[in-house]
Amino acid sequence: MQRINIKFMPTDDAKSSQNPRNLPVVSRSDSKGRPTAKERRDITEALRPYYNRGFSSQKVSQLLGTREFKPIKISDRTVRVYFKEWTDKALEEYDEDFIVRDKEVKARAIFALEEDLQYLYDVKDRISTILEAQWKNYRNELDKNKNYGAKPPSLRVDERLEISRAINNAIMFKYQIESSPTIDDKLREQVRRYIETTKQRFIRQTQ
């Protein structure tokens, strides 16, 4: 039958430096076999402060094994098992949280790009409508008034090409975000600046 003896460390500076927060000391009289549930709780309570403070498993094993009052005989390997379990759990929780947050960031970026794309397509359609009306008026002027000296309307080629490039850029950004496992800070900043300047560049294109 395994027994757990628990004692509290003295509070003087010399001894408390080896035992953060004067936690209970765990000493197993028999190191054979798996620890009981109570032993695991006691060991966890003794080890956790050292883990939180970044102590190595080897150092913790040494500190606990050289106590003046009822040392804890726990191997470096056993300490590593506990430390690894806590690290794996922390990483798993961090990864899950990171994935959720990254999905939210990606979704917002994609939504913003789609809004921008809709705006650009509206501008493109509006320019096409304006050009169609202008050329219709020009042809009517030629047919009715025989005013062959009338100046034809501008095709606004440069503006239309610029809008097409902006649309292509938005589509490329959207594809990059959708196909990437994560959205890094550089890409997010590029998207932000792109969206910020797009409407300013094309605000007068429909006039």
N, C-alpha and C. Protein backbone atom coordinates (compact mmCIF):
# COMPACT_ATOMS: atom_id res chain seq x y z
N MET A 1 0.85 -1.19 0.00
CA MET A 1 0.00 0.00 0.00
C MET A 1 0.88 1.24 0.00
N GLN A 2 0.68 2.12 -0.95
CA GLN A 2 1.48 3.33 -1.03
C GLN A 2 0.89 4.41 -0.14
N ARG A 3 1.76 5.19 0.45
CA ARG A 3 1.30 6.25 1.34
C ARG A 3 1.86 7.59 0.88
N ILE A 4 1.10 8.63 1.12
CA ILE A 4 1.52 9.98 0.79
C ILE A 4 1.67 10.76 2.09
N ASN A 5 2.85 11.30 2.32
CA ASN A 5 3.08 12.14 3.48
C ASN A 5 3.18 13.58 3.02
N ILE A 6 2.43 14.46 3.62
CA ILE A 6 2.42 15.86 3.21
C ILE A 6 2.84 16.73 4.38
N LYS A 7 3.83 17.57 4.14
CA LYS A 7 4.27 18.55 5.13
C LYS A 7 4.42 19.89 4.45
N PHE A 8 4.25 20.97 5.18
CA PHE A 8 4.44 22.31 4.64
C PHE A 8 5.83 22.81 4.99
N MET A 9 6.46 23.45 4.04
CA MET A 9 7.81 23.97 4.25
C MET A 9 7.77 25.14 5.22
N PRO A 10 8.86 25.36 5.95
CA PRO A 10 8.97 26.56 6.79
C PRO A 10 8.96 27.80 5.91
N THR A 11 8.66 28.93 6.49
CA THR A 11 8.51 30.16 5.70
C THR A 11 9.76 31.01 5.69
N ASP A 12 10.86 30.57 6.30
CA ASP A 12 12.06 31.40 6.27
C ASP A 12 12.61 31.44 4.86
N ASP A 13 13.37 32.50 4.55
CA ASP A 13 13.82 32.76 3.19
C ASP A 13 14.65 31.64 2.62
N ALA A 14 15.51 31.05 3.43
CA ALA A 14 16.42 30.01 2.92
C ALA A 14 15.64 28.83 2.39
N LYS A 15 14.57 28.43 3.10
CA LYS A 15 13.84 27.24 2.68
C LYS A 15 12.76 27.58 1.66
N SER A 16 12.14 28.76 1.78
CA SER A 16 11.06 29.09 0.86
C SER A 16 11.59 29.33 -0.54
N SER A 17 12.89 29.63 -0.70
CA SER A 17 13.45 29.83 -2.04
C SER A 17 13.43 28.54 -2.84
N GLN A 18 13.41 27.39 -2.14
CA GLN A 18 13.35 26.11 -2.83
C GLN A 18 11.92 25.60 -2.98
N ASN A 19 10.98 26.27 -2.36
CA ASN A 19 9.60 25.81 -2.42
C ASN A 19 8.67 27.00 -2.61
N PRO A 20 8.38 27.39 -3.85
CA PRO A 20 7.53 28.56 -4.09
C PRO A 20 6.19 28.42 -3.39
N ARG A 21 5.80 29.47 -2.70
CA ARG A 21 4.49 29.56 -2.06
C ARG A 21 4.28 28.53 -0.96
N ASN A 22 5.37 27.91 -0.43
CA ASN A 22 5.25 26.95 0.66
C ASN A 22 4.23 25.86 0.38
N LEU A 23 4.35 25.25 -0.78
CA LEU A 23 3.40 24.22 -1.16
C LEU A 23 3.68 22.92 -0.42
N PRO A 24 2.69 22.02 -0.36
CA PRO A 24 2.89 20.77 0.35
C PRO A 24 3.95 19.91 -0.29
N VAL A 25 4.70 19.23 0.54
CA VAL A 25 5.75 18.33 0.09
C VAL A 25 5.17 16.93 -0.05
N VAL A 26 5.44 16.30 -1.19
CA VAL A 26 4.92 14.97 -1.44
C VAL A 26 6.06 13.98 -1.39
N SER A 27 5.91 12.95 -0.60
CA SER A 27 6.95 11.93 -0.51
C SER A 27 6.31 10.56 -0.62
N ARG A 28 6.71 9.82 -1.63
CA ARG A 28 6.17 8.48 -1.80
C ARG A 28 7.10 7.48 -1.11
N SER A 29 6.53 6.74 -0.17
CA SER A 29 7.36 5.77 0.56
C SER A 29 7.69 4.57 -0.31
N ASP A 30 6.88 4.34 -1.34
CA ASP A 30 7.13 3.23 -2.26
C ASP A 30 6.99 3.76 -3.67
N SER A 31 8.06 3.75 -4.45
CA SER A 31 8.05 4.35 -5.77
C SER A 31 7.57 3.39 -6.85
N LYS A 32 7.20 2.16 -6.47
CA LYS A 32 6.78 1.18 -7.46
C LYS A 32 5.31 1.38 -7.81
N GLY A 33 4.97 1.10 -9.08
CA GLY A 33 3.59 1.16 -9.50
C GLY A 33 3.14 2.57 -9.84
N ARG A 34 1.96 2.65 -10.41
CA ARG A 34 1.42 3.95 -10.78
C ARG A 34 0.91 4.69 -9.56
N PRO A 35 1.02 6.04 -9.57
CA PRO A 35 0.50 6.80 -8.43
C PRO A 35 -1.02 6.76 -8.43
N THR A 36 -1.58 6.83 -7.26
CA THR A 36 -3.03 6.88 -7.13
C THR A 36 -3.53 8.26 -7.56
N ALA A 37 -4.85 8.39 -7.66
CA ALA A 37 -5.43 9.68 -8.03
C ALA A 37 -5.04 10.76 -7.03
N LYS A 38 -5.04 10.40 -5.75
CA LYS A 38 -4.67 11.37 -4.72
C LYS A 38 -3.20 11.74 -4.84
N GLU A 39 -2.35 10.74 -5.11
CA GLU A 39 -0.93 11.01 -5.28
C GLU A 39 -0.70 11.95 -6.47
N ARG A 40 -1.43 11.72 -7.55
CA ARG A 40 -1.29 12.60 -8.72
C ARG A 40 -1.67 14.03 -8.38
N ARG A 41 -2.73 14.18 -7.61
CA ARG A 41 -3.14 15.53 -7.20
C ARG A 41 -2.06 16.19 -6.35
N ASP A 42 -1.49 15.42 -5.43
CA ASP A 42 -0.46 15.97 -4.55
C ASP A 42 0.81 16.31 -5.33
N ILE A 43 1.18 15.42 -6.26
CA ILE A 43 2.37 15.66 -7.08
C ILE A 43 2.15 16.89 -7.96
N THR A 44 0.96 16.97 -8.55
CA THR A 44 0.64 18.12 -9.39
C THR A 44 0.73 19.41 -8.60
N GLU A 45 0.19 19.39 -7.38
CA GLU A 45 0.22 20.59 -6.55
C GLU A 45 1.65 20.99 -6.20
N ALA A 46 2.53 20.01 -6.05
CA ALA A 46 3.92 20.31 -5.72
C ALA A 46 4.71 20.78 -6.94
N LEU A 47 4.42 20.20 -8.12
CA LEU A 47 5.22 20.49 -9.32
C LEU A 47 4.76 21.74 -10.07
N ARG A 48 3.46 22.01 -10.03
CA ARG A 48 2.91 23.05 -10.90
C ARG A 48 3.57 24.42 -10.74
N PRO A 49 3.85 24.88 -9.53
CA PRO A 49 4.50 26.20 -9.40
C PRO A 49 5.85 26.27 -10.09
N TYR A 50 6.62 25.18 -10.02
CA TYR A 50 7.92 25.16 -10.70
C TYR A 50 7.73 25.20 -12.21
N TYR A 51 6.74 24.48 -12.70
CA TYR A 51 6.44 24.49 -14.14
C TYR A 51 6.05 25.89 -14.59
N ASN A 52 5.18 26.53 -13.82
CA ASN A 52 4.72 27.87 -14.19
C ASN A 52 5.86 28.89 -14.21
N ARG A 53 6.88 28.63 -13.39
CA ARG A 53 8.01 29.56 -13.33
C ARG A 53 9.13 29.18 -14.30
N GLY A 54 8.93 28.14 -15.08
CA GLY A 54 9.88 27.80 -16.13
C GLY A 54 11.07 26.97 -15.69
N PHE A 55 10.99 26.32 -14.53
CA PHE A 55 12.09 25.47 -14.09
C PHE A 55 12.19 24.23 -14.98
N SER A 56 13.40 23.74 -15.18
CA SER A 56 13.59 22.51 -15.93
C SER A 56 13.22 21.32 -15.06
N SER A 57 12.86 20.21 -15.70
CA SER A 57 12.49 19.01 -14.94
C SER A 57 13.66 18.51 -14.11
N GLN A 58 14.86 18.61 -14.65
CA GLN A 58 16.05 18.15 -13.92
C GLN A 58 16.26 18.98 -12.66
N LYS A 59 16.09 20.29 -12.78
CA LYS A 59 16.28 21.17 -11.63
C LYS A 59 15.21 20.91 -10.58
N VAL A 60 13.98 20.71 -11.02
CA VAL A 60 12.89 20.46 -10.08
C VAL A 60 13.13 19.16 -9.33
N SER A 61 13.54 18.13 -10.06
CA SER A 61 13.82 16.85 -9.41
C SER A 61 14.92 17.00 -8.36
N GLN A 62 15.92 17.82 -8.69
CA GLN A 62 17.02 18.05 -7.76
C GLN A 62 16.54 18.81 -6.53
N LEU A 63 15.76 19.88 -6.75
CA LEU A 63 15.27 20.69 -5.64
C LEU A 63 14.39 19.87 -4.69
N LEU A 64 13.49 19.11 -5.29
CA LEU A 64 12.58 18.34 -4.46
C LEU A 64 13.29 17.18 -3.76
N GLY A 65 14.34 16.67 -4.38
CA GLY A 65 15.03 15.53 -3.80
C GLY A 65 16.03 15.89 -2.72
N THR A 66 16.36 17.17 -2.60
CA THR A 66 17.36 17.59 -1.60
C THR A 66 16.75 18.46 -0.51
N ARG A 67 15.46 18.32 -0.33
CA ARG A 67 14.81 19.10 0.73
C ARG A 67 15.33 18.68 2.10
N GLU A 68 15.36 19.65 2.98
CA GLU A 68 15.76 19.35 4.36
C GLU A 68 14.66 18.60 5.08
N PHE A 69 13.41 18.97 4.75
CA PHE A 69 12.27 18.32 5.39
C PHE A 69 11.59 17.38 4.41
N LYS A 70 11.69 16.11 4.68
CA LYS A 70 11.01 15.07 3.92
C LYS A 70 11.09 15.31 2.42
N PRO A 71 12.22 15.08 1.81
CA PRO A 71 12.36 15.34 0.38
C PRO A 71 11.43 14.48 -0.47
N ILE A 72 11.09 15.01 -1.62
CA ILE A 72 10.25 14.27 -2.57
C ILE A 72 11.17 13.50 -3.50
N LYS A 73 11.08 12.22 -3.47
CA LYS A 73 11.90 11.39 -4.35
C LYS A 73 11.14 11.17 -5.65
N ILE A 74 11.37 12.06 -6.58
CA ILE A 74 10.69 11.97 -7.87
C ILE A 74 11.73 12.18 -8.97
N SER A 75 11.76 11.28 -9.91
CA SER A 75 12.81 11.31 -10.93
C SER A 75 12.60 12.42 -11.94
N ASP A 76 13.69 12.78 -12.59
CA ASP A 76 13.64 13.76 -13.67
C ASP A 76 12.65 13.30 -14.75
N ARG A 77 12.66 12.02 -15.06
CA ARG A 77 11.78 11.47 -16.09
C ARG A 77 10.31 11.65 -15.71
N THR A 78 9.98 11.41 -14.45
CA THR A 78 8.59 11.56 -14.01
C THR A 78 8.16 13.02 -14.07
N VAL A 79 9.05 13.91 -13.66
CA VAL A 79 8.74 15.34 -13.74
C VAL A 79 8.48 15.74 -15.19
N ARG A 80 9.30 15.21 -16.11
CA ARG A 80 9.12 15.52 -17.53
C ARG A 80 7.76 15.06 -18.04
N VAL A 81 7.30 13.91 -17.54
CA VAL A 81 5.99 13.40 -17.96
C VAL A 81 4.89 14.40 -17.60
N TYR A 82 4.94 14.91 -16.37
CA TYR A 82 3.94 15.89 -15.94
C TYR A 82 4.07 17.18 -16.74
N PHE A 83 5.30 17.65 -16.89
CA PHE A 83 5.53 18.90 -17.62
C PHE A 83 5.06 18.79 -19.07
N LYS A 84 5.35 17.65 -19.70
CA LYS A 84 4.93 17.46 -21.10
C LYS A 84 3.41 17.44 -21.21
N GLU A 85 2.77 16.80 -20.27
CA GLU A 85 1.30 16.74 -20.28
C GLU A 85 0.70 18.15 -20.22
N TRP A 86 1.25 18.99 -19.36
CA TRP A 86 0.72 20.35 -19.22
C TRP A 86 1.06 21.19 -20.45
N THR A 87 2.26 20.99 -20.99
CA THR A 87 2.65 21.75 -22.19
C THR A 87 1.78 21.37 -23.38
N ASP A 88 1.56 20.07 -23.57
CA ASP A 88 0.72 19.62 -24.68
C ASP A 88 -0.69 20.18 -24.58
N LYS A 89 -1.22 20.19 -23.36
CA LYS A 89 -2.57 20.72 -23.17
C LYS A 89 -2.62 22.21 -23.46
N ALA A 90 -1.60 22.94 -23.00
CA ALA A 90 -1.55 24.39 -23.24
C ALA A 90 -1.44 24.68 -24.73
N LEU A 91 -0.60 23.92 -25.44
CA LEU A 91 -0.43 24.12 -26.88
C LEU A 91 -1.72 23.80 -27.63
N GLU A 92 -2.40 22.75 -27.20
CA GLU A 92 -3.66 22.37 -27.85
C GLU A 92 -4.69 23.48 -27.69
N GLU A 93 -4.79 24.02 -26.48
CA GLU A 93 -5.75 25.10 -26.24
C GLU A 93 -5.36 26.34 -27.03
N TYR A 94 -4.04 26.63 -27.10
CA TYR A 94 -3.59 27.79 -27.86
C TYR A 94 -3.90 27.62 -29.35
N ASP A 95 -3.61 26.41 -29.86
CA ASP A 95 -3.85 26.15 -31.29
C ASP A 95 -5.33 26.30 -31.63
N GLU A 96 -6.19 25.75 -30.77
CA GLU A 96 -7.62 25.85 -31.02
C GLU A 96 -8.07 27.31 -31.03
N ASP A 97 -7.58 28.07 -30.05
CA ASP A 97 -7.94 29.49 -29.98
C ASP A 97 -7.39 30.25 -31.17
N PHE A 98 -6.15 29.92 -31.56
CA PHE A 98 -5.53 30.60 -32.70
C PHE A 98 -6.30 30.32 -33.98
N ILE A 99 -6.71 29.06 -34.16
CA ILE A 99 -7.45 28.69 -35.37
C ILE A 99 -8.77 29.44 -35.44
N VAL A 100 -9.47 29.53 -34.32
CA VAL A 100 -10.75 30.25 -34.29
C VAL A 100 -10.54 31.72 -34.63
N ARG A 101 -9.54 32.34 -33.97
CA ARG A 101 -9.29 33.76 -34.22
C ARG A 101 -8.85 34.00 -35.66
N ASP A 102 -8.01 33.10 -36.19
CA ASP A 102 -7.53 33.28 -37.56
C ASP A 102 -8.67 33.13 -38.56
N LYS A 103 -9.58 32.20 -38.30
CA LYS A 103 -10.73 32.04 -39.19
C LYS A 103 -11.58 33.30 -39.20
N GLU A 104 -11.74 33.91 -38.03
CA GLU A 104 -12.52 35.14 -37.94
C GLU A 104 -11.85 36.26 -38.73
N VAL A 105 -10.51 36.37 -38.60
CA VAL A 105 -9.77 37.41 -39.32
C VAL A 105 -9.88 37.18 -40.83
N LYS A 106 -9.72 35.92 -41.25
CA LYS A 106 -9.83 35.60 -42.68
C LYS A 106 -11.22 35.91 -43.21
N ALA A 107 -12.23 35.57 -42.43
CA ALA A 107 -13.61 35.81 -42.87
C ALA A 107 -13.88 37.30 -43.03
N ARG A 108 -13.36 38.11 -42.08
CA ARG A 108 -13.57 39.56 -42.19
C ARG A 108 -12.84 40.13 -43.40
N ALA A 109 -11.61 39.64 -43.64
CA ALA A 109 -10.84 40.13 -44.78
C ALA A 109 -11.52 39.77 -46.10
N ILE A 110 -12.01 38.54 -46.19
CA ILE A 110 -12.69 38.10 -47.42
C ILE A 110 -13.97 38.91 -47.63
N PHE A 111 -14.72 39.14 -46.55
CA PHE A 111 -15.95 39.93 -46.66
C PHE A 111 -15.64 41.33 -47.15
N ALA A 112 -14.58 41.95 -46.60
CA ALA A 112 -14.20 43.30 -47.02
C ALA A 112 -13.79 43.33 -48.49
N LEU A 113 -13.06 42.30 -48.93
CA LEU A 113 -12.65 42.24 -50.33
C LEU A 113 -13.85 42.05 -51.25
N GLU A 114 -14.80 41.25 -50.83
CA GLU A 114 -16.00 41.04 -51.65
C GLU A 114 -16.82 42.33 -51.74
N GLU A 115 -16.87 43.08 -50.64
CA GLU A 115 -17.54 44.38 -50.69
C GLU A 115 -16.83 45.30 -51.67
N ASP A 116 -15.50 45.27 -51.63
CA ASP A 116 -14.71 46.10 -52.54
C ASP A 116 -14.90 45.66 -53.99
N LEU A 117 -14.94 44.36 -54.20
CA LEU A 117 -15.17 43.84 -55.56
C LEU A 117 -16.53 44.30 -56.09
N GLN A 118 -17.53 44.23 -55.24
CA GLN A 118 -18.86 44.67 -55.66
C GLN A 118 -18.84 46.13 -56.06
N TYR A 119 -18.14 46.94 -55.27
CA TYR A 119 -18.03 48.37 -55.59
C TYR A 119 -17.33 48.57 -56.93
N LEU A 120 -16.23 47.85 -57.16
CA LEU A 120 -15.48 48.00 -58.41
C LEU A 120 -16.31 47.56 -59.62
N TYR A 121 -17.02 46.47 -59.46
CA TYR A 121 -17.88 46.02 -60.57
C TYR A 121 -18.99 47.04 -60.84
N ASP A 122 -19.51 47.66 -59.78
CA ASP A 122 -20.53 48.70 -59.97
C ASP A 122 -19.95 49.88 -60.74
N VAL A 123 -18.71 50.27 -60.38
CA VAL A 123 -18.05 51.36 -61.09
C VAL A 123 -17.85 51.00 -62.56
N LYS A 124 -17.39 49.78 -62.79
CA LYS A 124 -17.16 49.33 -64.17
C LYS A 124 -18.46 49.34 -64.97
N ASP A 125 -19.54 48.84 -64.37
CA ASP A 125 -20.83 48.82 -65.06
C ASP A 125 -21.34 50.23 -65.31
N ARG A 126 -21.11 51.10 -64.32
CA ARG A 126 -21.56 52.49 -64.47
C ARG A 126 -20.83 53.19 -65.61
N ILE A 127 -19.54 52.98 -65.71
CA ILE A 127 -18.77 53.58 -66.80
C ILE A 127 -19.25 53.05 -68.15
N SER A 128 -19.52 51.75 -68.20
CA SER A 128 -20.03 51.16 -69.45
C SER A 128 -21.36 51.79 -69.84
N THR A 129 -22.22 52.02 -68.86
CA THR A 129 -23.52 52.64 -69.13
C THR A 129 -23.35 54.07 -69.64
N ILE A 130 -22.43 54.81 -69.00
CA ILE A 130 -22.17 56.19 -69.41
C ILE A 130 -21.63 56.23 -70.84
N LEU A 131 -20.67 55.35 -71.12
CA LEU A 131 -20.08 55.31 -72.46
C LEU A 131 -21.13 54.94 -73.52
N GLU A 132 -21.97 53.99 -73.18
CA GLU A 132 -23.01 53.57 -74.12
C GLU A 132 -23.95 54.73 -74.45
N ALA A 133 -24.32 55.50 -73.41
CA ALA A 133 -25.21 56.64 -73.62
C ALA A 133 -24.52 57.73 -74.44
N GLN A 134 -23.24 57.98 -74.14
CA GLN A 134 -22.51 59.01 -74.86
C GLN A 134 -22.34 58.66 -76.34
N TRP A 135 -22.04 57.41 -76.62
CA TRP A 135 -21.88 57.00 -78.01
C TRP A 135 -23.22 56.96 -78.74
N LYS A 136 -24.27 56.68 -78.05
CA LYS A 136 -25.60 56.72 -78.66
C LYS A 136 -25.95 58.15 -79.07
N ASN A 137 -25.66 59.10 -78.18
CA ASN A 137 -25.91 60.50 -78.49
C ASN A 137 -25.04 60.97 -79.66
N TYR A 138 -23.81 60.49 -79.68
CA TYR A 138 -22.90 60.87 -80.76
C TYR A 138 -23.41 60.36 -82.11
N ARG A 139 -23.87 59.12 -82.15
CA ARG A 139 -24.39 58.57 -83.40
C ARG A 139 -25.66 59.30 -83.84
N ASN A 140 -26.49 59.64 -82.86
CA ASN A 140 -27.70 60.40 -83.20
C ASN A 140 -27.34 61.76 -83.78
N GLU A 141 -26.30 62.37 -83.22
CA GLU A 141 -25.85 63.67 -83.72
C GLU A 141 -25.40 63.56 -85.17
N LEU A 142 -24.73 62.48 -85.48
CA LEU A 142 -24.27 62.28 -86.86
C LEU A 142 -25.44 62.02 -87.80
N ASP A 143 -26.36 61.17 -87.35
CA ASP A 143 -27.47 60.77 -88.22
C ASP A 143 -28.47 61.91 -88.46
N LYS A 144 -28.79 62.63 -87.39
CA LYS A 144 -29.84 63.65 -87.50
C LYS A 144 -29.31 64.97 -88.04
N ASN A 145 -28.24 65.43 -87.47
CA ASN A 145 -27.74 66.76 -87.79
C ASN A 145 -26.60 66.75 -88.80
N LYS A 146 -26.18 65.57 -89.18
CA LYS A 146 -25.07 65.44 -90.13
C LYS A 146 -23.85 66.25 -89.69
N ASN A 147 -23.69 66.28 -88.38
CA ASN A 147 -22.57 67.05 -87.82
C ASN A 147 -21.35 66.14 -87.75
N TYR A 148 -20.68 66.03 -88.89
CA TYR A 148 -19.55 65.11 -88.95
C TYR A 148 -18.30 65.66 -88.26
N GLY A 149 -18.40 66.89 -87.86
CA GLY A 149 -17.27 67.47 -87.13
C GLY A 149 -17.37 67.28 -85.63
N ALA A 150 -18.45 66.65 -85.19
CA ALA A 150 -18.63 66.44 -83.75
C ALA A 150 -17.54 65.52 -83.20
N LYS A 151 -17.05 65.87 -82.04
CA LYS A 151 -15.97 65.09 -81.43
C LYS A 151 -16.54 63.84 -80.77
N PRO A 152 -16.01 62.67 -81.09
CA PRO A 152 -16.52 61.44 -80.47
C PRO A 152 -16.17 61.41 -78.98
N PRO A 153 -16.99 60.78 -78.19
CA PRO A 153 -16.71 60.70 -76.74
C PRO A 153 -15.47 59.86 -76.47
N SER A 154 -14.86 60.13 -75.34
CA SER A 154 -13.67 59.37 -74.94
C SER A 154 -14.05 57.93 -74.59
N LEU A 155 -13.18 57.03 -74.94
CA LEU A 155 -13.40 55.62 -74.60
C LEU A 155 -13.01 55.31 -73.15
N ARG A 156 -12.34 56.27 -72.51
CA ARG A 156 -11.92 56.13 -71.11
C ARG A 156 -11.15 54.82 -70.91
N VAL A 157 -10.26 54.56 -71.85
CA VAL A 157 -9.51 53.30 -71.85
C VAL A 157 -8.66 53.16 -70.59
N ASP A 158 -7.94 54.24 -70.23
CA ASP A 158 -7.05 54.17 -69.07
C ASP A 158 -7.83 53.87 -67.79
N GLU A 159 -8.98 54.52 -67.65
CA GLU A 159 -9.79 54.30 -66.44
C GLU A 159 -10.29 52.87 -66.38
N ARG A 160 -10.75 52.36 -67.51
CA ARG A 160 -11.29 51.00 -67.54
C ARG A 160 -10.20 49.96 -67.27
N LEU A 161 -9.00 50.22 -67.79
CA LEU A 161 -7.88 49.32 -67.52
C LEU A 161 -7.50 49.35 -66.04
N GLU A 162 -7.52 50.54 -65.46
CA GLU A 162 -7.17 50.67 -64.04
C GLU A 162 -8.18 49.93 -63.17
N ILE A 163 -9.44 50.04 -63.51
CA ILE A 163 -10.47 49.33 -62.76
C ILE A 163 -10.31 47.82 -62.91
N SER A 164 -10.00 47.38 -64.11
CA SER A 164 -9.79 45.94 -64.34
C SER A 164 -8.62 45.42 -63.51
N ARG A 165 -7.55 46.22 -63.45
CA ARG A 165 -6.39 45.80 -62.63
C ARG A 165 -6.77 45.74 -61.15
N ALA A 166 -7.56 46.71 -60.70
CA ALA A 166 -7.99 46.72 -59.30
C ALA A 166 -8.86 45.50 -58.99
N ILE A 167 -9.73 45.14 -59.91
CA ILE A 167 -10.56 43.95 -59.73
C ILE A 167 -9.70 42.70 -59.67
N ASN A 168 -8.73 42.61 -60.57
CA ASN A 168 -7.82 41.45 -60.57
C ASN A 168 -7.05 41.36 -59.25
N ASN A 169 -6.60 42.51 -58.74
CA ASN A 169 -5.86 42.51 -57.47
C ASN A 169 -6.74 42.02 -56.32
N ALA A 170 -7.98 42.48 -56.30
CA ALA A 170 -8.91 42.05 -55.25
C ALA A 170 -9.15 40.55 -55.32
N ILE A 171 -9.31 40.03 -56.53
CA ILE A 171 -9.52 38.59 -56.70
C ILE A 171 -8.29 37.81 -56.25
N MET A 172 -7.10 38.32 -56.56
CA MET A 172 -5.86 37.65 -56.15
C MET A 172 -5.71 37.64 -54.64
N PHE A 173 -6.00 38.78 -53.99
CA PHE A 173 -5.94 38.85 -52.53
C PHE A 173 -6.92 37.84 -51.92
N LYS A 174 -8.12 37.80 -52.46
CA LYS A 174 -9.15 36.89 -51.96
C LYS A 174 -8.69 35.44 -52.10
N TYR A 175 -8.09 35.11 -53.24
CA TYR A 175 -7.60 33.75 -53.46
C TYR A 175 -6.47 33.42 -52.48
N GLN A 176 -5.56 34.37 -52.27
CA GLN A 176 -4.45 34.14 -51.33
C GLN A 176 -4.96 33.83 -49.94
N ILE A 177 -5.94 34.59 -49.49
CA ILE A 177 -6.48 34.40 -48.14
C ILE A 177 -7.19 33.06 -48.04
N GLU A 178 -8.00 32.74 -49.04
CA GLU A 178 -8.77 31.50 -49.01
C GLU A 178 -7.88 30.26 -49.08
N SER A 179 -6.77 30.36 -49.80
CA SER A 179 -5.91 29.18 -50.01
C SER A 179 -4.80 29.06 -48.97
N SER A 180 -4.61 30.09 -48.13
CA SER A 180 -3.55 30.05 -47.12
C SER A 180 -4.09 29.45 -45.82
N PRO A 181 -3.26 28.64 -45.13
CA PRO A 181 -3.69 28.10 -43.84
C PRO A 181 -3.99 29.19 -42.83
N THR A 182 -3.18 30.25 -42.86
CA THR A 182 -3.38 31.39 -41.97
C THR A 182 -3.17 32.67 -42.76
N ILE A 183 -3.65 33.77 -42.20
CA ILE A 183 -3.42 35.08 -42.82
C ILE A 183 -2.40 35.82 -41.97
N ASP A 184 -1.23 36.08 -42.55
CA ASP A 184 -0.17 36.72 -41.77
C ASP A 184 -0.37 38.23 -41.74
N ASP A 185 0.41 38.88 -40.88
CA ASP A 185 0.26 40.32 -40.68
C ASP A 185 0.55 41.10 -41.96
N LYS A 186 1.53 40.64 -42.74
CA LYS A 186 1.90 41.36 -43.96
C LYS A 186 0.75 41.36 -44.96
N LEU A 187 0.15 40.19 -45.18
CA LEU A 187 -0.96 40.09 -46.12
C LEU A 187 -2.16 40.88 -45.62
N ARG A 188 -2.43 40.80 -44.33
CA ARG A 188 -3.56 41.54 -43.76
C ARG A 188 -3.38 43.04 -43.95
N GLU A 189 -2.15 43.53 -43.76
CA GLU A 189 -1.88 44.95 -43.94
C GLU A 189 -2.00 45.35 -45.41
N GLN A 190 -1.56 44.49 -46.32
CA GLN A 190 -1.70 44.77 -47.75
C GLN A 190 -3.17 44.89 -48.14
N VAL A 191 -3.97 43.98 -47.63
CA VAL A 191 -5.40 44.02 -47.93
C VAL A 191 -6.03 45.29 -47.37
N ARG A 192 -5.66 45.63 -46.14
CA ARG A 192 -6.23 46.82 -45.51
C ARG A 192 -5.91 48.08 -46.31
N ARG A 193 -4.65 48.22 -46.72
CA ARG A 193 -4.25 49.41 -47.48
C ARG A 193 -4.91 49.42 -48.86
N TYR A 194 -5.02 48.24 -49.45
CA TYR A 194 -5.65 48.16 -50.78
C TYR A 194 -7.10 48.62 -50.71
N ILE A 195 -7.85 48.10 -49.74
CA ILE A 195 -9.26 48.47 -49.62
C ILE A 195 -9.41 49.94 -49.27
N GLU A 196 -8.51 50.44 -48.44
CA GLU A 196 -8.58 51.83 -48.00
C GLU A 196 -8.41 52.80 -49.15
N THR A 197 -7.56 52.45 -50.11
CA THR A 197 -7.26 53.37 -51.21
C THR A 197 -8.13 53.17 -52.45
N THR A 198 -8.76 52.00 -52.57
CA THR A 198 -9.49 51.69 -53.80
C THR A 198 -10.63 52.67 -54.06
N LYS A 199 -11.49 52.87 -53.07
CA LYS A 199 -12.64 53.74 -53.28
C LYS A 199 -12.21 55.19 -53.50
N GLN A 200 -11.11 55.59 -52.85
CA GLN A 200 -10.61 56.94 -53.05
C GLN A 200 -10.14 57.14 -54.49
N ARG A 201 -9.54 56.10 -55.06
CA ARG A 201 -9.03 56.19 -56.43
C ARG A 201 -10.16 56.25 -57.46
N PHE A 202 -11.26 55.53 -57.18
CA PHE A 202 -12.30 55.40 -58.20
C PHE A 202 -13.58 56.16 -57.86
N ILE A 203 -13.52 57.02 -56.85
CA ILE A 203 -14.73 57.71 -56.41
C ILE A 203 -15.29 58.62 -57.50
N ARG A 204 -14.42 59.13 -58.39
CA ARG A 204 -14.88 60.04 -59.44
C ARG A 204 -15.02 59.37 -60.80
N GLN A 205 -14.80 58.08 -60.84
CA GLN A 205 -14.80 57.41 -62.13
C GLN A 205 -16.19 57.32 -62.74
N THR A 206 -17.22 57.44 -61.92
CA THR A 206 -18.58 57.33 -62.46
C THR A 206 -19.16 58.68 -62.85
N GLN A 207 -18.37 59.73 -62.73
CA GLN A 207 -18.87 61.07 -63.04
C GLN A 207 -18.57 61.44 -64.49
